[in-house]
Amino acid sequence: MSAPFEIRFEDPPPPLRTWAQSEPFDYPRIASVLCKKPGRWALIGVVGTPLRASGAAHRIRAGLVETLAIRGAFDAVARSVDGEYRVYARYLGEYEQVAS
C-alpha cells in the first residue's frame, strides 16, 4: 500500500495568466484574411494544448469573438497534427437579414 497523501493547508498560487492575456489569436487580422476567400479553410494558429485549440475553435463557431461576429459567419475546427494543436477556420459569408 502506498503512504497516505499529506494534506496541507495553503492558498493556491495566482493564475498564470488571465483569459484576456492568454488569447493566442489576432482576430481582426484573421477575419480580414479569411473574408477575402470565403469557404476556404486556413490554418490560423498553433497553440500549446488541445484544450486551447478546441476552446478557440468553439469561440469562433459560437460567435463569441466580437471581431468575427460583426463580419458574418465563421466555422472552425481543432486538430492534432504531428504533436501540434492546430486551429483551422473559414469564413462562411455575411449573415442573412430575416424579414419581419
N, C-alpha and C. Protein backbone atom coordinates (compact mmCIF):
# COMPACT_ATOMS: atom_id res chain seq x y z
N MET A 1 0.84 -1.19 0.00
CA MET A 1 0.00 0.00 0.00
C MET A 1 0.88 1.24 0.00
N SER A 2 0.40 2.25 -0.68
CA SER A 2 1.15 3.50 -0.71
C SER A 2 0.84 4.32 0.53
N ALA A 3 1.78 5.18 0.86
CA ALA A 3 1.59 6.05 2.03
C ALA A 3 0.47 7.05 1.73
N PRO A 4 -0.32 7.42 2.74
CA PRO A 4 -1.38 8.40 2.50
C PRO A 4 -0.79 9.76 2.13
N PHE A 5 -1.50 10.47 1.28
CA PHE A 5 -1.07 11.80 0.86
C PHE A 5 -1.15 12.75 2.04
N GLU A 6 -0.11 13.56 2.21
CA GLU A 6 -0.10 14.53 3.29
C GLU A 6 -0.95 15.73 2.91
N ILE A 7 -1.96 16.01 3.68
CA ILE A 7 -2.83 17.16 3.43
C ILE A 7 -2.22 18.38 4.08
N ARG A 8 -2.09 19.45 3.29
CA ARG A 8 -1.51 20.69 3.79
C ARG A 8 -2.51 21.81 3.54
N PHE A 9 -2.58 22.72 4.47
CA PHE A 9 -3.41 23.91 4.30
C PHE A 9 -2.54 25.01 3.72
N GLU A 10 -2.89 25.46 2.50
CA GLU A 10 -2.17 26.55 1.86
C GLU A 10 -3.06 27.17 0.81
N ASP A 11 -2.85 28.45 0.54
CA ASP A 11 -3.61 29.14 -0.51
C ASP A 11 -3.07 28.72 -1.86
N PRO A 12 -3.94 28.64 -2.87
CA PRO A 12 -3.44 28.31 -4.20
C PRO A 12 -2.65 29.48 -4.78
N PRO A 13 -1.71 29.20 -5.67
CA PRO A 13 -0.96 30.29 -6.29
C PRO A 13 -1.86 31.08 -7.23
N PRO A 14 -1.47 32.31 -7.58
CA PRO A 14 -2.28 33.09 -8.52
C PRO A 14 -2.27 32.42 -9.89
N PRO A 15 -3.30 32.69 -10.70
CA PRO A 15 -3.31 32.10 -12.05
C PRO A 15 -2.12 32.60 -12.86
N LEU A 16 -1.65 31.77 -13.77
CA LEU A 16 -0.51 32.15 -14.58
C LEU A 16 -0.83 33.33 -15.48
N ARG A 17 -2.04 33.32 -16.07
CA ARG A 17 -2.46 34.40 -16.96
C ARG A 17 -3.95 34.59 -16.82
N THR A 18 -4.39 35.78 -17.13
CA THR A 18 -5.83 35.98 -17.21
C THR A 18 -6.29 35.53 -18.58
N TRP A 19 -7.59 35.33 -18.74
CA TRP A 19 -8.12 34.86 -20.02
C TRP A 19 -7.74 35.81 -21.16
N ALA A 20 -7.88 37.12 -20.95
CA ALA A 20 -7.58 38.09 -22.00
C ALA A 20 -6.12 38.02 -22.42
N GLN A 21 -5.23 37.79 -21.48
CA GLN A 21 -3.81 37.72 -21.80
C GLN A 21 -3.45 36.43 -22.51
N SER A 22 -4.26 35.39 -22.32
CA SER A 22 -3.90 34.10 -22.90
C SER A 22 -4.46 33.90 -24.30
N GLU A 23 -5.26 34.83 -24.80
CA GLU A 23 -5.85 34.67 -26.13
C GLU A 23 -4.74 34.68 -27.17
N PRO A 24 -4.61 33.58 -27.93
CA PRO A 24 -3.46 33.45 -28.82
C PRO A 24 -3.62 34.05 -30.22
N PHE A 25 -4.81 34.54 -30.57
CA PHE A 25 -5.04 34.91 -31.96
C PHE A 25 -5.31 36.39 -32.17
N ASP A 26 -4.88 36.90 -33.30
CA ASP A 26 -5.15 38.26 -33.74
C ASP A 26 -6.40 38.19 -34.61
N TYR A 27 -7.57 38.22 -33.97
CA TYR A 27 -8.83 38.01 -34.69
C TYR A 27 -9.13 39.05 -35.77
N PRO A 28 -8.83 40.33 -35.57
CA PRO A 28 -9.08 41.27 -36.66
C PRO A 28 -8.31 40.90 -37.93
N ARG A 29 -7.06 40.52 -37.77
CA ARG A 29 -6.25 40.11 -38.92
C ARG A 29 -6.79 38.83 -39.55
N ILE A 30 -7.16 37.87 -38.72
CA ILE A 30 -7.71 36.61 -39.21
C ILE A 30 -8.98 36.87 -40.02
N ALA A 31 -9.88 37.69 -39.49
CA ALA A 31 -11.13 37.99 -40.18
C ALA A 31 -10.85 38.63 -41.53
N SER A 32 -9.92 39.56 -41.56
CA SER A 32 -9.59 40.25 -42.80
C SER A 32 -9.09 39.28 -43.87
N VAL A 33 -8.22 38.37 -43.49
CA VAL A 33 -7.67 37.41 -44.44
C VAL A 33 -8.72 36.40 -44.89
N LEU A 34 -9.48 35.84 -43.95
CA LEU A 34 -10.48 34.82 -44.29
C LEU A 34 -11.60 35.38 -45.16
N CYS A 35 -11.99 36.63 -44.93
CA CYS A 35 -13.08 37.24 -45.71
C CYS A 35 -12.73 37.39 -47.18
N LYS A 36 -11.45 37.38 -47.49
CA LYS A 36 -11.01 37.51 -48.89
C LYS A 36 -11.21 36.22 -49.68
N LYS A 37 -11.35 35.08 -48.98
CA LYS A 37 -11.52 33.79 -49.66
C LYS A 37 -12.61 33.00 -48.95
N PRO A 38 -13.87 33.39 -49.11
CA PRO A 38 -14.98 32.70 -48.43
C PRO A 38 -14.99 31.20 -48.75
N GLY A 39 -15.28 30.41 -47.73
CA GLY A 39 -15.40 28.97 -47.89
C GLY A 39 -14.10 28.19 -47.84
N ARG A 40 -12.94 28.87 -47.92
CA ARG A 40 -11.65 28.18 -47.91
C ARG A 40 -11.13 28.05 -46.48
N TRP A 41 -10.73 26.84 -46.12
CA TRP A 41 -10.15 26.59 -44.81
C TRP A 41 -8.74 27.16 -44.75
N ALA A 42 -8.36 27.67 -43.59
CA ALA A 42 -7.00 28.18 -43.38
C ALA A 42 -6.53 27.80 -41.98
N LEU A 43 -5.26 27.46 -41.88
CA LEU A 43 -4.64 27.25 -40.57
C LEU A 43 -4.43 28.63 -39.97
N ILE A 44 -5.09 28.91 -38.84
CA ILE A 44 -4.97 30.25 -38.25
C ILE A 44 -4.04 30.30 -37.06
N GLY A 45 -3.64 29.13 -36.54
CA GLY A 45 -2.71 29.15 -35.43
C GLY A 45 -2.43 27.79 -34.83
N VAL A 46 -1.33 27.74 -34.09
CA VAL A 46 -0.92 26.55 -33.36
C VAL A 46 -0.80 26.96 -31.89
N VAL A 47 -1.43 26.19 -31.01
CA VAL A 47 -1.41 26.51 -29.58
C VAL A 47 -0.79 25.36 -28.79
N GLY A 48 -0.62 25.57 -27.49
CA GLY A 48 0.13 24.63 -26.67
C GLY A 48 -0.61 23.40 -26.18
N THR A 49 -1.94 23.45 -26.18
CA THR A 49 -2.68 22.30 -25.65
C THR A 49 -3.92 22.04 -26.51
N PRO A 50 -4.41 20.79 -26.48
CA PRO A 50 -5.64 20.51 -27.23
C PRO A 50 -6.84 21.28 -26.68
N LEU A 51 -6.85 21.54 -25.39
CA LEU A 51 -7.96 22.29 -24.79
C LEU A 51 -8.00 23.72 -25.32
N ARG A 52 -6.86 24.36 -25.46
CA ARG A 52 -6.83 25.73 -26.01
C ARG A 52 -7.26 25.74 -27.46
N ALA A 53 -6.84 24.72 -28.22
CA ALA A 53 -7.24 24.65 -29.63
C ALA A 53 -8.75 24.46 -29.76
N SER A 54 -9.30 23.52 -29.01
CA SER A 54 -10.75 23.28 -29.11
C SER A 54 -11.54 24.46 -28.56
N GLY A 55 -11.01 25.13 -27.54
CA GLY A 55 -11.68 26.30 -26.98
C GLY A 55 -11.74 27.44 -27.98
N ALA A 56 -10.62 27.68 -28.67
CA ALA A 56 -10.60 28.75 -29.67
C ALA A 56 -11.56 28.43 -30.81
N ALA A 57 -11.56 27.19 -31.27
CA ALA A 57 -12.47 26.79 -32.35
C ALA A 57 -13.92 26.95 -31.92
N HIS A 58 -14.21 26.58 -30.69
CA HIS A 58 -15.58 26.73 -30.18
C HIS A 58 -16.01 28.20 -30.15
N ARG A 59 -15.13 29.08 -29.64
CA ARG A 59 -15.47 30.50 -29.57
C ARG A 59 -15.74 31.09 -30.95
N ILE A 60 -15.00 30.65 -31.94
CA ILE A 60 -15.21 31.13 -33.31
C ILE A 60 -16.55 30.62 -33.83
N ARG A 61 -16.80 29.32 -33.73
CA ARG A 61 -18.05 28.73 -34.23
C ARG A 61 -19.28 29.31 -33.55
N ALA A 62 -19.17 29.55 -32.25
CA ALA A 62 -20.31 30.03 -31.46
C ALA A 62 -20.53 31.53 -31.60
N GLY A 63 -19.66 32.22 -32.32
CA GLY A 63 -19.81 33.66 -32.49
C GLY A 63 -19.45 34.44 -31.25
N LEU A 64 -18.59 33.88 -30.41
CA LEU A 64 -18.22 34.55 -29.16
C LEU A 64 -17.05 35.51 -29.32
N VAL A 65 -16.51 35.61 -30.51
CA VAL A 65 -15.42 36.53 -30.79
C VAL A 65 -16.02 37.73 -31.51
N GLU A 66 -16.09 38.86 -30.82
CA GLU A 66 -16.78 40.04 -31.35
C GLU A 66 -16.27 40.46 -32.72
N THR A 67 -14.98 40.49 -32.91
CA THR A 67 -14.40 40.92 -34.18
C THR A 67 -14.92 40.09 -35.34
N LEU A 68 -15.08 38.79 -35.11
CA LEU A 68 -15.55 37.92 -36.17
C LEU A 68 -17.05 38.02 -36.34
N ALA A 69 -17.77 38.11 -35.24
CA ALA A 69 -19.24 38.11 -35.28
C ALA A 69 -19.79 39.29 -36.07
N ILE A 70 -19.11 40.43 -36.04
CA ILE A 70 -19.63 41.60 -36.76
C ILE A 70 -19.45 41.48 -38.27
N ARG A 71 -18.61 40.56 -38.71
CA ARG A 71 -18.33 40.41 -40.13
C ARG A 71 -19.20 39.33 -40.78
N GLY A 72 -19.75 38.42 -40.01
CA GLY A 72 -20.56 37.35 -40.59
C GLY A 72 -20.32 36.04 -39.89
N ALA A 73 -20.53 34.96 -40.62
CA ALA A 73 -20.44 33.62 -40.03
C ALA A 73 -19.09 32.98 -40.33
N PHE A 74 -18.52 32.34 -39.33
CA PHE A 74 -17.26 31.63 -39.46
C PHE A 74 -17.42 30.22 -38.94
N ASP A 75 -16.62 29.31 -39.44
CA ASP A 75 -16.57 27.94 -38.96
C ASP A 75 -15.14 27.69 -38.50
N ALA A 76 -14.95 26.78 -37.56
CA ALA A 76 -13.61 26.48 -37.07
C ALA A 76 -13.55 25.08 -36.50
N VAL A 77 -12.38 24.45 -36.58
CA VAL A 77 -12.14 23.14 -36.00
C VAL A 77 -10.75 23.12 -35.39
N ALA A 78 -10.56 22.21 -34.44
CA ALA A 78 -9.25 21.99 -33.83
C ALA A 78 -8.77 20.61 -34.25
N ARG A 79 -7.50 20.50 -34.57
CA ARG A 79 -6.93 19.22 -34.98
C ARG A 79 -5.54 19.07 -34.37
N SER A 80 -5.19 17.82 -34.05
CA SER A 80 -3.85 17.49 -33.59
C SER A 80 -3.10 16.89 -34.77
N VAL A 81 -1.99 17.52 -35.16
CA VAL A 81 -1.22 17.07 -36.31
C VAL A 81 0.26 17.02 -35.91
N ASP A 82 0.83 15.85 -35.96
CA ASP A 82 2.26 15.68 -35.66
C ASP A 82 2.66 16.34 -34.34
N GLY A 83 1.84 16.18 -33.31
CA GLY A 83 2.14 16.72 -31.99
C GLY A 83 1.82 18.19 -31.82
N GLU A 84 1.28 18.83 -32.85
CA GLU A 84 0.87 20.24 -32.75
C GLU A 84 -0.64 20.29 -32.58
N TYR A 85 -1.11 21.32 -31.89
CA TYR A 85 -2.54 21.54 -31.70
C TYR A 85 -2.93 22.74 -32.55
N ARG A 86 -3.59 22.45 -33.67
CA ARG A 86 -3.87 23.46 -34.68
C ARG A 86 -5.33 23.89 -34.68
N VAL A 87 -5.54 25.14 -35.08
CA VAL A 87 -6.89 25.67 -35.23
C VAL A 87 -7.04 26.11 -36.68
N TYR A 88 -8.08 25.58 -37.32
CA TYR A 88 -8.41 25.92 -38.70
C TYR A 88 -9.74 26.68 -38.69
N ALA A 89 -9.87 27.64 -39.59
CA ALA A 89 -11.12 28.40 -39.67
C ALA A 89 -11.42 28.76 -41.12
N ARG A 90 -12.69 29.09 -41.36
CA ARG A 90 -13.10 29.58 -42.67
C ARG A 90 -14.25 30.55 -42.51
N TYR A 91 -14.35 31.46 -43.46
CA TYR A 91 -15.42 32.46 -43.49
C TYR A 91 -16.55 31.88 -44.32
N LEU A 92 -17.76 31.90 -43.77
CA LEU A 92 -18.92 31.33 -44.45
C LEU A 92 -19.75 32.37 -45.18
N GLY A 93 -19.59 33.62 -44.86
CA GLY A 93 -20.34 34.68 -45.53
C GLY A 93 -21.09 35.56 -44.56
N GLU A 94 -21.71 36.59 -45.12
CA GLU A 94 -22.49 37.53 -44.32
C GLU A 94 -23.75 36.86 -43.78
N TYR A 95 -24.17 37.31 -42.62
CA TYR A 95 -25.44 36.84 -42.09
C TYR A 95 -26.57 37.36 -42.97
N GLU A 96 -27.57 36.54 -43.19
CA GLU A 96 -28.72 36.98 -43.96
C GLU A 96 -29.69 37.71 -43.04
N GLN A 97 -30.22 38.82 -43.50
CA GLN A 97 -31.21 39.55 -42.73
C GLN A 97 -32.56 38.85 -42.90
N VAL A 98 -33.21 38.58 -41.82
CA VAL A 98 -34.52 37.93 -41.85
C VAL A 98 -35.58 39.02 -41.89
N ALA A 99 -36.45 38.97 -42.89
CA ALA A 99 -37.51 39.97 -43.00
C ALA A 99 -38.54 39.75 -41.91
N SER A 100 -39.00 40.85 -41.28
CA SER A 100 -40.02 40.70 -40.24
C SER A 100 -41.37 41.08 -40.76
